[in-house]
Amino acid sequence: EKVADSAGYSKGAVYSNFKNKKELCLEVLGLIHATKGAEIAA
């Protein structure tokens, strides 16, 4: 709910993209790892 509110979407928009909070957080971790990898490469 907090993610939806902060992003300016309905909670339904979150659930149409992610089945649950775990799935969303795992995607966030993947993004963080890719970002940190790019920083190390630089």
Full PDB file with SEQRES, HELIX, SHEET, SSBOND, CRYST1, ORIGX, SCALE, CONECT and MASTER records, all heavy atoms in Angstrom:
SEQRES   1 A   42  GLU LYS VAL ALA ASP SER ALA GLY TYR SER LYS GLY ALA          
SEQRES   2 A   42  VAL TYR SER ASN PHE LYS ASN LYS LYS GLU LEU CYS LEU          
SEQRES   3 A   42  GLU VAL LEU GLY LEU ILE HIS ALA THR LYS GLY ALA GLU          
SEQRES   4 A   42  ILE ALA ALA                                                  
HELIX    1 AA1 LYS A    2  ALA A    7  1                                   6    
HELIX    2 AA2 LYS A   11  TYR A   15  1                                   5    
HELIX    3 AA3 LYS A   21  ALA A   41  1                                  21    
CRYST1    1.000    1.000    1.000  90.00  90.00  90.00 P 1           1          
ORIGX1      1.000000  0.000000  0.000000        0.00000                         
ORIGX2      0.000000  1.000000  0.000000        0.00000                         
ORIGX3      0.000000  0.000000  1.000000        0.00000                         
SCALE1      1.000000  0.000000  0.000000        0.00000                         
SCALE2      0.000000  1.000000  0.000000        0.00000                         
SCALE3      0.000000  0.000000  1.000000        0.00000                         
ATOM      1  N   GLU A   1       0.829  -1.198   0.000  1.00  0.00           N  
ATOM      2  CA  GLU A   1       0.000   0.000   0.000  1.00  0.00           C  
ATOM      3  C   GLU A   1       0.867   1.253   0.000  1.00  0.00           C  
ATOM      4  O   GLU A   1       0.590   2.225  -0.720  1.00  0.00           O  
ATOM      5  CB  GLU A   1      -0.932   0.018   1.226  1.00  0.00           C  
ATOM      6  CG  GLU A   1      -2.029  -1.027   1.193  1.00  0.00           C  
ATOM      7  CD  GLU A   1      -1.590  -2.374   1.769  1.00  0.00           C  
ATOM      8  OE1 GLU A   1      -0.367  -2.589   1.959  1.00  0.00           O  
ATOM      9  OE2 GLU A   1      -2.462  -3.224   2.009  1.00  0.00           O  
ATOM     10  N   LYS A   2       1.940   1.228   0.800  1.00  0.00           N  
ATOM     11  CA  LYS A   2       2.835   2.380   0.875  1.00  0.00           C  
ATOM     12  C   LYS A   2       3.550   2.589  -0.456  1.00  0.00           C  
ATOM     13  O   LYS A   2       3.731   3.722  -0.909  1.00  0.00           O  
ATOM     14  CB  LYS A   2       3.859   2.170   2.003  1.00  0.00           C  
ATOM     15  CG  LYS A   2       4.742   3.384   2.260  1.00  0.00           C  
ATOM     16  CD  LYS A   2       5.835   3.095   3.287  1.00  0.00           C  
ATOM     17  CE  LYS A   2       5.285   2.982   4.675  1.00  0.00           C  
ATOM     18  NZ  LYS A   2       6.371   2.890   5.697  1.00  0.00           N  
ATOM     19  N   VAL A   3       3.951   1.490  -1.090  1.00  0.00           N  
ATOM     20  CA  VAL A   3       4.599   1.594  -2.403  1.00  0.00           C  
ATOM     21  C   VAL A   3       3.637   2.214  -3.409  1.00  0.00           C  
ATOM     22  O   VAL A   3       3.999   3.137  -4.152  1.00  0.00           O  
ATOM     23  CB  VAL A   3       5.076   0.201  -2.895  1.00  0.00           C  
ATOM     24  CG1 VAL A   3       5.581   0.292  -4.341  1.00  0.00           C  
ATOM     25  CG2 VAL A   3       6.172  -0.344  -1.986  1.00  0.00           C  
ATOM     26  N   ALA A   4       2.403   1.710  -3.419  1.00  0.00           N  
ATOM     27  CA  ALA A   4       1.404   2.229  -4.363  1.00  0.00           C  
ATOM     28  C   ALA A   4       1.156   3.711  -4.127  1.00  0.00           C  
ATOM     29  O   ALA A   4       1.163   4.521  -5.070  1.00  0.00           O  
ATOM     30  CB  ALA A   4       0.106   1.440  -4.231  1.00  0.00           C  
ATOM     31  N   ASP A   5       0.953   4.091  -2.878  1.00  0.00           N  
ATOM     32  CA  ASP A   5       0.681   5.489  -2.555  1.00  0.00           C  
ATOM     33  C   ASP A   5       1.855   6.389  -2.946  1.00  0.00           C  
ATOM     34  O   ASP A   5       1.662   7.450  -3.538  1.00  0.00           O  
ATOM     35  CB  ASP A   5       0.402   5.653  -1.054  1.00  0.00           C  
ATOM     36  CG  ASP A   5      -0.950   5.094  -0.641  1.00  0.00           C  
ATOM     37  OD1 ASP A   5      -1.798   4.853  -1.536  1.00  0.00           O  
ATOM     38  OD2 ASP A   5      -1.159   4.892   0.573  1.00  0.00           O  
ATOM     39  N   SER A   6       3.057   5.961  -2.611  1.00  0.00           N  
ATOM     40  CA  SER A   6       4.236   6.779  -2.899  1.00  0.00           C  
ATOM     41  C   SER A   6       4.487   6.916  -4.396  1.00  0.00           C  
ATOM     42  O   SER A   6       4.983   7.937  -4.858  1.00  0.00           O  
ATOM     43  CB  SER A   6       5.473   6.176  -2.227  1.00  0.00           C  
ATOM     44  OG  SER A   6       5.331   6.180  -0.823  1.00  0.00           O  
ATOM     45  N   ALA A   7       4.135   5.860  -5.146  1.00  0.00           N  
ATOM     46  CA  ALA A   7       4.341   5.893  -6.602  1.00  0.00           C  
ATOM     47  C   ALA A   7       3.196   6.578  -7.330  1.00  0.00           C  
ATOM     48  O   ALA A   7       3.305   6.894  -8.517  1.00  0.00           O  
ATOM     49  CB  ALA A   7       4.519   4.472  -7.135  1.00  0.00           C  
ATOM     50  N   GLY A   8       2.072   6.790  -6.608  1.00  0.00           N  
ATOM     51  CA  GLY A   8       0.930   7.445  -7.230  1.00  0.00           C  
ATOM     52  C   GLY A   8       0.033   6.511  -8.016  1.00  0.00           C  
ATOM     53  O   GLY A   8      -0.648   6.927  -8.958  1.00  0.00           O  
ATOM     54  N   TYR A   9       0.030   5.232  -7.608  1.00  0.00           N  
ATOM     55  CA  TYR A   9      -0.812   4.239  -8.276  1.00  0.00           C  
ATOM     56  C   TYR A   9      -1.749   3.597  -7.274  1.00  0.00           C  
ATOM     57  O   TYR A   9      -1.591   3.743  -6.062  1.00  0.00           O  
ATOM     58  CB  TYR A   9       0.046   3.139  -8.914  1.00  0.00           C  
ATOM     59  CG  TYR A   9       0.961   3.597 -10.015  1.00  0.00           C  
ATOM     60  CD1 TYR A   9       2.338   3.622  -9.829  1.00  0.00           C  
ATOM     61  CD2 TYR A   9       0.454   4.002 -11.243  1.00  0.00           C  
ATOM     62  CE1 TYR A   9       3.187   4.038 -10.842  1.00  0.00           C  
ATOM     63  CE2 TYR A   9       1.302   4.430 -12.261  1.00  0.00           C  
ATOM     64  CZ  TYR A   9       2.665   4.440 -12.054  1.00  0.00           C  
ATOM     65  OH  TYR A   9       3.494   4.863 -13.052  1.00  0.00           O  
ATOM     66  N   SER A  10      -2.717   2.854  -7.781  1.00  0.00           N  
ATOM     67  CA  SER A  10      -3.591   2.075  -6.915  1.00  0.00           C  
ATOM     68  C   SER A  10      -2.862   0.802  -6.478  1.00  0.00           C  
ATOM     69  O   SER A  10      -1.880   0.389  -7.110  1.00  0.00           O  
ATOM     70  CB  SER A  10      -4.874   1.686  -7.655  1.00  0.00           C  
ATOM     71  OG  SER A  10      -4.567   0.761  -8.696  1.00  0.00           O  
ATOM     72  N   LYS A  11      -3.347   0.191  -5.406  1.00  0.00           N  
ATOM     73  CA  LYS A  11      -2.758  -1.076  -4.966  1.00  0.00           C  
ATOM     74  C   LYS A  11      -2.919  -2.137  -6.050  1.00  0.00           C  
ATOM     75  O   LYS A  11      -2.071  -3.011  -6.218  1.00  0.00           O  
ATOM     76  CB  LYS A  11      -3.416  -1.518  -3.664  1.00  0.00           C  
ATOM     77  CG  LYS A  11      -2.741  -2.718  -3.022  1.00  0.00           C  
ATOM     78  CD  LYS A  11      -3.394  -3.064  -1.692  1.00  0.00           C  
ATOM     79  CE  LYS A  11      -2.809  -4.339  -1.123  1.00  0.00           C  
ATOM     80  NZ  LYS A  11      -3.490  -4.751   0.123  1.00  0.00           N  
ATOM     81  N   GLY A  12      -4.025  -2.027  -6.818  1.00  0.00           N  
ATOM     82  CA  GLY A  12      -4.248  -2.966  -7.914  1.00  0.00           C  
ATOM     83  C   GLY A  12      -3.154  -2.912  -8.958  1.00  0.00           C  
ATOM     84  O   GLY A  12      -2.800  -3.929  -9.560  1.00  0.00           O  
ATOM     85  N   ALA A  13      -2.584  -1.716  -9.174  1.00  0.00           N  
ATOM     86  CA  ALA A  13      -1.493  -1.583 -10.139  1.00  0.00           C  
ATOM     87  C   ALA A  13      -0.260  -2.351  -9.684  1.00  0.00           C  
ATOM     88  O   ALA A  13       0.476  -2.925 -10.489  1.00  0.00           O  
ATOM     89  CB  ALA A  13      -1.147  -0.109 -10.342  1.00  0.00           C  
ATOM     90  N   VAL A  14      -0.053  -2.366  -8.362  1.00  0.00           N  
ATOM     91  CA  VAL A  14       1.077  -3.135  -7.817  1.00  0.00           C  
ATOM     92  C   VAL A  14       0.840  -4.619  -8.043  1.00  0.00           C  
ATOM     93  O   VAL A  14       1.708  -5.346  -8.533  1.00  0.00           O  
ATOM     94  CB  VAL A  14       1.281  -2.833  -6.317  1.00  0.00           C  
ATOM     95  CG1 VAL A  14       2.446  -3.669  -5.773  1.00  0.00           C  
ATOM     96  CG2 VAL A  14       1.531  -1.357  -6.086  1.00  0.00           C  
ATOM     97  N   TYR A  15      -0.376  -5.087  -7.720  1.00  0.00           N  
ATOM     98  CA  TYR A  15      -0.668  -6.512  -7.844  1.00  0.00           C  
ATOM     99  C   TYR A  15      -0.764  -6.970  -9.298  1.00  0.00           C  
ATOM    100  O   TYR A  15      -0.624  -8.158  -9.573  1.00  0.00           O  
ATOM    101  CB  TYR A  15      -1.959  -6.854  -7.094  1.00  0.00           C  
ATOM    102  CG  TYR A  15      -1.740  -7.070  -5.617  1.00  0.00           C  
ATOM    103  CD1 TYR A  15      -2.234  -6.173  -4.680  1.00  0.00           C  
ATOM    104  CD2 TYR A  15      -1.018  -8.171  -5.160  1.00  0.00           C  
ATOM    105  CE1 TYR A  15      -2.023  -6.376  -3.318  1.00  0.00           C  
ATOM    106  CE2 TYR A  15      -0.801  -8.382  -3.813  1.00  0.00           C  
ATOM    107  CZ  TYR A  15      -1.304  -7.478  -2.895  1.00  0.00           C  
ATOM    108  OH  TYR A  15      -1.082  -7.688  -1.551  1.00  0.00           O  
ATOM    109  N   SER A  16      -0.976  -6.056 -10.208  1.00  0.00           N  
ATOM    110  CA  SER A  16      -0.998  -6.462 -11.615  1.00  0.00           C  
ATOM    111  C   SER A  16       0.420  -6.653 -12.150  1.00  0.00           C  
ATOM    112  O   SER A  16       0.625  -7.226 -13.219  1.00  0.00           O  
ATOM    113  CB  SER A  16      -1.745  -5.430 -12.460  1.00  0.00           C  
ATOM    114  OG  SER A  16      -1.018  -4.222 -12.541  1.00  0.00           O  
ATOM    115  N   ASN A  17       1.417  -6.172 -11.395  1.00  0.00           N  
ATOM    116  CA  ASN A  17       2.816  -6.316 -11.804  1.00  0.00           C  
ATOM    117  C   ASN A  17       3.597  -7.297 -10.937  1.00  0.00           C  
ATOM    118  O   ASN A  17       4.558  -7.901 -11.407  1.00  0.00           O  
ATOM    119  CB  ASN A  17       3.514  -4.952 -11.755  1.00  0.00           C  
ATOM    120  CG  ASN A  17       3.161  -4.059 -12.911  1.00  0.00           C  
ATOM    121  OD1 ASN A  17       3.719  -4.187 -13.992  1.00  0.00           O  
ATOM    122  ND2 ASN A  17       2.198  -3.163 -12.707  1.00  0.00           N  
ATOM    123  N   PHE A  18       3.185  -7.453  -9.683  1.00  0.00           N  
ATOM    124  CA  PHE A  18       3.901  -8.330  -8.742  1.00  0.00           C  
ATOM    125  C   PHE A  18       2.890  -9.120  -7.921  1.00  0.00           C  
ATOM    126  O   PHE A  18       1.929  -8.555  -7.416  1.00  0.00           O  
ATOM    127  CB  PHE A  18       4.787  -7.498  -7.805  1.00  0.00           C  
ATOM    128  CG  PHE A  18       5.768  -6.630  -8.538  1.00  0.00           C  
ATOM    129  CD1 PHE A  18       5.476  -5.294  -8.787  1.00  0.00           C  
ATOM    130  CD2 PHE A  18       6.962  -7.144  -9.017  1.00  0.00           C  
ATOM    131  CE1 PHE A  18       6.356  -4.489  -9.480  1.00  0.00           C  
ATOM    132  CE2 PHE A  18       7.856  -6.347  -9.714  1.00  0.00           C  
ATOM    133  CZ  PHE A  18       7.551  -5.016  -9.952  1.00  0.00           C  
ATOM    134  N   LYS A  19       3.143 -10.419  -7.755  1.00  0.00           N  
ATOM    135  CA  LYS A  19       2.155 -11.235  -7.037  1.00  0.00           C  
ATOM    136  C   LYS A  19       2.177 -10.979  -5.541  1.00  0.00           C  
ATOM    137  O   LYS A  19       1.178 -11.200  -4.864  1.00  0.00           O  
ATOM    138  CB  LYS A  19       2.337 -12.718  -7.352  1.00  0.00           C  
ATOM    139  CG  LYS A  19       3.588 -13.354  -6.808  1.00  0.00           C  
ATOM    140  CD  LYS A  19       3.626 -14.854  -7.146  1.00  0.00           C  
ATOM    141  CE  LYS A  19       4.846 -15.529  -6.550  1.00  0.00           C  
ATOM    142  NZ  LYS A  19       4.880 -16.963  -6.856  1.00  0.00           N  
ATOM    143  N   ASN A  20       3.328 -10.499  -5.023  1.00  0.00           N  
ATOM    144  CA  ASN A  20       3.397 -10.201  -3.590  1.00  0.00           C  
ATOM    145  C   ASN A  20       4.615  -9.323  -3.296  1.00  0.00           C  
ATOM    146  O   ASN A  20       5.394  -8.993  -4.194  1.00  0.00           O  
ATOM    147  CB  ASN A  20       3.446 -11.493  -2.756  1.00  0.00           C  
ATOM    148  CG  ASN A  20       4.556 -12.436  -3.203  1.00  0.00           C  
ATOM    149  OD1 ASN A  20       5.657 -12.011  -3.542  1.00  0.00           O  
ATOM    150  ND2 ASN A  20       4.259 -13.732  -3.226  1.00  0.00           N  
ATOM    151  N   LYS A  21       4.786  -8.963  -2.040  1.00  0.00           N  
ATOM    152  CA  LYS A  21       5.879  -8.079  -1.625  1.00  0.00           C  
ATOM    153  C   LYS A  21       7.240  -8.745  -1.825  1.00  0.00           C  
ATOM    154  O   LYS A  21       8.214  -8.088  -2.179  1.00  0.00           O  
ATOM    155  CB  LYS A  21       5.687  -7.659  -0.163  1.00  0.00           C  
ATOM    156  CG  LYS A  21       6.688  -6.604   0.291  1.00  0.00           C  
ATOM    157  CD  LYS A  21       6.308  -5.966   1.616  1.00  0.00           C  
ATOM    158  CE  LYS A  21       6.528  -6.848   2.792  1.00  0.00           C  
ATOM    159  NZ  LYS A  21       6.459  -6.111   4.085  1.00  0.00           N  
ATOM    160  N   LYS A  22       7.304 -10.056  -1.592  1.00  0.00           N  
ATOM    161  CA  LYS A  22       8.574 -10.762  -1.774  1.00  0.00           C  
ATOM    162  C   LYS A  22       9.071 -10.634  -3.212  1.00  0.00           C  
ATOM    163  O   LYS A  22      10.249 -10.369  -3.457  1.00  0.00           O  
ATOM    164  CB  LYS A  22       8.427 -12.245  -1.409  1.00  0.00           C  
ATOM    165  CG  LYS A  22       8.353 -12.528   0.064  1.00  0.00           C  
ATOM    166  CD  LYS A  22       8.346 -14.012   0.353  1.00  0.00           C  
ATOM    167  CE  LYS A  22       7.079 -14.686  -0.100  1.00  0.00           C  
ATOM    168  NZ  LYS A  22       6.955 -16.079   0.379  1.00  0.00           N  
ATOM    169  N   GLU A  23       8.161 -10.827  -4.166  1.00  0.00           N  
ATOM    170  CA  GLU A  23       8.550 -10.746  -5.572  1.00  0.00           C  
ATOM    171  C   GLU A  23       9.046  -9.348  -5.921  1.00  0.00           C  
ATOM    172  O   GLU A  23      10.053  -9.196  -6.621  1.00  0.00           O  
ATOM    173  CB  GLU A  23       7.373 -11.119  -6.476  1.00  0.00           C  
ATOM    174  CG  GLU A  23       7.733 -11.150  -7.954  1.00  0.00           C  
ATOM    175  CD  GLU A  23       6.547 -11.533  -8.824  1.00  0.00           C  
ATOM    176  OE1 GLU A  23       6.307 -12.735  -8.974  1.00  0.00           O  
ATOM    177  OE2 GLU A  23       5.868 -10.609  -9.324  1.00  0.00           O  
ATOM    178  N   LEU A  24       8.357  -8.336  -5.418  1.00  0.00           N  
ATOM    179  CA  LEU A  24       8.776  -6.951  -5.663  1.00  0.00           C  
ATOM    180  C   LEU A  24      10.143  -6.683  -5.044  1.00  0.00           C  
ATOM    181  O   LEU A  24      11.025  -6.100  -5.676  1.00  0.00           O  
ATOM    182  CB  LEU A  24       7.734  -5.986  -5.088  1.00  0.00           C  
ATOM    183  CG  LEU A  24       8.067  -4.491  -5.148  1.00  0.00           C  
ATOM    184  CD1 LEU A  24       8.372  -4.032  -6.564  1.00  0.00           C  
ATOM    185  CD2 LEU A  24       6.910  -3.676  -4.556  1.00  0.00           C  
ATOM    186  N   CYS A  25      10.353  -7.143  -3.809  1.00  0.00           N  
ATOM    187  CA  CYS A  25      11.625  -6.901  -3.138  1.00  0.00           C  
ATOM    188  C   CYS A  25      12.775  -7.622  -3.825  1.00  0.00           C  
ATOM    189  O   CYS A  25      13.885  -7.083  -3.928  1.00  0.00           O  
ATOM    190  CB  CYS A  25      11.534  -7.318  -1.667  1.00  0.00           C  
ATOM    191  SG  CYS A  25      12.933  -6.722  -0.687  1.00  0.00           S  
ATOM    192  N   LEU A  26      12.528  -8.819  -4.320  1.00  0.00           N  
ATOM    193  CA  LEU A  26      13.573  -9.549  -5.039  1.00  0.00           C  
ATOM    194  C   LEU A  26      13.954  -8.826  -6.322  1.00  0.00           C  
ATOM    195  O   LEU A  26      15.136  -8.794  -6.696  1.00  0.00           O  
ATOM    196  CB  LEU A  26      13.108 -10.978  -5.332  1.00  0.00           C  
ATOM    197  CG  LEU A  26      13.051 -11.896  -4.108  1.00  0.00           C  
ATOM    198  CD1 LEU A  26      12.234 -13.142  -4.412  1.00  0.00           C  
ATOM    199  CD2 LEU A  26      14.462 -12.272  -3.644  1.00  0.00           C  
ATOM    200  N   GLU A  27      12.983  -8.214  -6.982  1.00  0.00           N  
ATOM    201  CA  GLU A  27      13.311  -7.432  -8.172  1.00  0.00           C  
ATOM    202  C   GLU A  27      14.124  -6.195  -7.791  1.00  0.00           C  
ATOM    203  O   GLU A  27      15.046  -5.800  -8.501  1.00  0.00           O  
ATOM    204  CB  GLU A  27      12.050  -7.032  -8.934  1.00  0.00           C  
ATOM    205  CG  GLU A  27      12.365  -6.287 -10.218  1.00  0.00           C  
ATOM    206  CD  GLU A  27      11.408  -6.575 -11.349  1.00  0.00           C  
ATOM    207  OE1 GLU A  27      10.717  -7.611 -11.332  1.00  0.00           O  
ATOM    208  OE2 GLU A  27      11.376  -5.763 -12.272  1.00  0.00           O  
ATOM    209  N   VAL A  28      13.780  -5.601  -6.660  1.00  0.00           N  
ATOM    210  CA  VAL A  28      14.547  -4.463  -6.156  1.00  0.00           C  
ATOM    211  C   VAL A  28      15.992  -4.886  -5.892  1.00  0.00           C  
ATOM    212  O   VAL A  28      16.937  -4.180  -6.262  1.00  0.00           O  
ATOM    213  CB  VAL A  28      13.896  -3.885  -4.878  1.00  0.00           C  
ATOM    214  CG1 VAL A  28      14.864  -2.964  -4.137  1.00  0.00           C  
ATOM    215  CG2 VAL A  28      12.626  -3.129  -5.226  1.00  0.00           C  
ATOM    216  N   LEU A  29      16.180  -6.046  -5.258  1.00  0.00           N  
ATOM    217  CA  LEU A  29      17.539  -6.524  -4.995  1.00  0.00           C  
ATOM    218  C   LEU A  29      18.310  -6.743  -6.286  1.00  0.00           C  
ATOM    219  O   LEU A  29      19.498  -6.418  -6.376  1.00  0.00           O  
ATOM    220  CB  LEU A  29      17.503  -7.829  -4.189  1.00  0.00           C  
ATOM    221  CG  LEU A  29      17.304  -7.725  -2.689  1.00  0.00           C  
ATOM    222  CD1 LEU A  29      17.431  -9.103  -2.056  1.00  0.00           C  
ATOM    223  CD2 LEU A  29      18.283  -6.763  -2.057  1.00  0.00           C  
ATOM    224  N   GLY A  30      17.637  -7.296  -7.286  1.00  0.00           N  
ATOM    225  CA  GLY A  30      18.286  -7.480  -8.579  1.00  0.00           C  
ATOM    226  C   GLY A  30      18.727  -6.159  -9.173  1.00  0.00           C  
ATOM    227  O   GLY A  30      19.831  -6.047  -9.735  1.00  0.00           O  
ATOM    228  N   LEU A  31      17.885  -5.134  -9.054  1.00  0.00           N  
ATOM    229  CA  LEU A  31      18.240  -3.803  -9.544  1.00  0.00           C  
ATOM    230  C   LEU A  31      19.430  -3.232  -8.777  1.00  0.00           C  
ATOM    231  O   LEU A  31      20.356  -2.670  -9.371  1.00  0.00           O  
ATOM    232  CB  LEU A  31      17.031  -2.862  -9.408  1.00  0.00           C  
ATOM    233  CG  LEU A  31      17.264  -1.390  -9.738  1.00  0.00           C  
ATOM    234  CD1 LEU A  31      17.666  -1.213 -11.193  1.00  0.00           C  
ATOM    235  CD2 LEU A  31      16.015  -0.557  -9.422  1.00  0.00           C  
ATOM    236  N   ILE A  32      19.424  -3.403  -7.456  1.00  0.00           N  
ATOM    237  CA  ILE A  32      20.535  -2.909  -6.640  1.00  0.00           C  
ATOM    238  C   ILE A  32      21.832  -3.611  -7.039  1.00  0.00           C  
ATOM    239  O   ILE A  32      22.878  -2.969  -7.213  1.00  0.00           O  
ATOM    240  CB  ILE A  32      20.251  -3.119  -5.139  1.00  0.00           C  
ATOM    241  CG1 ILE A  32      19.105  -2.198  -4.691  1.00  0.00           C  
ATOM    242  CG2 ILE A  32      21.508  -2.852  -4.301  1.00  0.00           C  
ATOM    243  CD1 ILE A  32      18.600  -2.481  -3.286  1.00  0.00           C  
ATOM    244  N   HIS A  33      21.794  -4.923  -7.206  1.00  0.00           N  
ATOM    245  CA  HIS A  33      22.997  -5.665  -7.586  1.00  0.00           C  
ATOM    246  C   HIS A  33      23.527  -5.201  -8.940  1.00  0.00           C  
ATOM    247  O   HIS A  33      24.738  -5.035  -9.121  1.00  0.00           O  
ATOM    248  CB  HIS A  33      22.709  -7.165  -7.633  1.00  0.00           C  
ATOM    249  CG  HIS A  33      22.427  -7.760  -6.290  1.00  0.00           C  
ATOM    250  ND1 HIS A  33      21.782  -8.975  -6.140  1.00  0.00           N  
ATOM    251  CD2 HIS A  33      22.672  -7.318  -5.034  1.00  0.00           C  
ATOM    252  CE1 HIS A  33      21.674  -9.254  -4.854  1.00  0.00           C  
ATOM    253  NE2 HIS A  33      22.191  -8.264  -4.166  1.00  0.00           N  
ATOM    254  N   ALA A  34      22.632  -4.997  -9.899  1.00  0.00           N  
ATOM    255  CA  ALA A  34      23.056  -4.529 -11.224  1.00  0.00           C  
ATOM    256  C   ALA A  34      23.674  -3.135 -11.138  1.00  0.00           C  
ATOM    257  O   ALA A  34      24.696  -2.846 -11.783  1.00  0.00           O  
ATOM    258  CB  ALA A  34      21.869  -4.524 -12.185  1.00  0.00           C  
ATOM    259  N   THR A  35      23.073  -2.267 -10.321  1.00  0.00           N  
ATOM    260  CA  THR A  35      23.593  -0.906 -10.142  1.00  0.00           C  
ATOM    261  C   THR A  35      24.969  -0.937  -9.501  1.00  0.00           C  
ATOM    262  O   THR A  35      25.892  -0.246  -9.953  1.00  0.00           O  
ATOM    263  CB  THR A  35      22.629  -0.070  -9.274  1.00  0.00           C  
ATOM    264  OG1 THR A  35      21.348  -0.020  -9.908  1.00  0.00           O  
ATOM    265  CG2 THR A  35      23.151   1.345  -9.076  1.00  0.00           C  
ATOM    266  N   LYS A  36      25.127  -1.734  -8.453  1.00  0.00           N  
ATOM    267  CA  LYS A  36      26.421  -1.830  -7.785  1.00  0.00           C  
ATOM    268  C   LYS A  36      27.461  -2.445  -8.717  1.00  0.00           C  
ATOM    269  O   LYS A  36      28.629  -2.039  -8.723  1.00  0.00           O  
ATOM    270  CB  LYS A  36      26.308  -2.659  -6.496  1.00  0.00           C  
ATOM    271  CG  LYS A  36      25.381  -2.075  -5.450  1.00  0.00           C  
ATOM    272  CD  LYS A  36      25.694  -0.641  -5.112  1.00  0.00           C  
ATOM    273  CE  LYS A  36      24.718  -0.061  -4.118  1.00  0.00           C  
ATOM    274  NZ  LYS A  36      24.905   1.391  -3.905  1.00  0.00           N  
ATOM    275  N   GLY A  37      27.043  -3.428  -9.523  1.00  0.00           N  
ATOM    276  CA  GLY A  37      27.966  -4.009 -10.499  1.00  0.00           C  
ATOM    277  C   GLY A  37      28.462  -2.971 -11.490  1.00  0.00           C  
ATOM    278  O   GLY A  37      29.654  -2.937 -11.835  1.00  0.00           O  
ATOM    279  N   ALA A  38      27.568  -2.105 -11.957  1.00  0.00           N  
ATOM    280  CA  ALA A  38      27.957  -1.042 -12.894  1.00  0.00           C  
ATOM    281  C   ALA A  38      28.912  -0.057 -12.226  1.00  0.00           C  
ATOM    282  O   ALA A  38      29.868   0.426 -12.860  1.00  0.00           O  
ATOM    283  CB  ALA A  38      26.717  -0.317 -13.406  1.00  0.00           C  
ATOM    284  N   GLU A  39      28.677   0.222 -10.943  1.00  0.00           N  
ATOM    285  CA  GLU A  39      29.576   1.127 -10.213  1.00  0.00           C  
ATOM    286  C   GLU A  39      30.971   0.519 -10.081  1.00  0.00           C  
ATOM    287  O   GLU A  39      31.983   1.208 -10.255  1.00  0.00           O  
ATOM    288  CB  GLU A  39      29.009   1.420  -8.823  1.00  0.00           C  
ATOM    289  CG  GLU A  39      27.749   2.265  -8.825  1.00  0.00           C  
ATOM    290  CD  GLU A  39      27.102   2.373  -7.457  1.00  0.00           C  
ATOM    291  OE1 GLU A  39      27.650   1.823  -6.468  1.00  0.00           O  
ATOM    292  OE2 GLU A  39      26.026   3.007  -7.364  1.00  0.00           O  
ATOM    293  N   ILE A  40      31.032  -0.787  -9.778  1.00  0.00           N  
ATOM    294  CA  ILE A  40      32.339  -1.453  -9.656  1.00  0.00           C  
ATOM    295  C   ILE A  40      33.043  -1.488 -11.003  1.00  0.00           C  
ATOM    296  O   ILE A  40      34.251  -1.252 -11.093  1.00  0.00           O  
ATOM    297  CB  ILE A  40      32.169  -2.875  -9.089  1.00  0.00           C  
ATOM    298  CG1 ILE A  40      31.625  -2.824  -7.665  1.00  0.00           C  
ATOM    299  CG2 ILE A  40      33.492  -3.639  -9.124  1.00  0.00           C  
ATOM    300  CD1 ILE A  40      31.217  -4.172  -7.100  1.00  0.00           C  
ATOM    301  N   ALA A  41      32.300  -1.774 -12.072  1.00  0.00           N  
ATOM    302  CA  ALA A  41      32.894  -1.794 -13.412  1.00  0.00           C  
ATOM    303  C   ALA A  41      33.498  -0.438 -13.745  1.00  0.00           C  
ATOM    304  O   ALA A  41      34.600  -0.345 -14.309  1.00  0.00           O  
ATOM    305  CB  ALA A  41      31.837  -2.183 -14.449  1.00  0.00           C  
ATOM    306  N   ALA A  42      32.792   0.623 -13.390  1.00  0.00           N  
ATOM    307  CA  ALA A  42      33.303   1.976 -13.646  1.00  0.00           C  
ATOM    308  C   ALA A  42      34.571   2.229 -12.834  1.00  0.00           C  
ATOM    309  O   ALA A  42      35.544   2.807 -13.338  1.00  0.00           O  
ATOM    310  CB  ALA A  42      32.237   3.016 -13.305  1.00  0.00           C  
TER     311      ALA A  42                                                      
MASTER        0    0    0    3    0    0    0    6  310    1    0    4          
END                                                                             
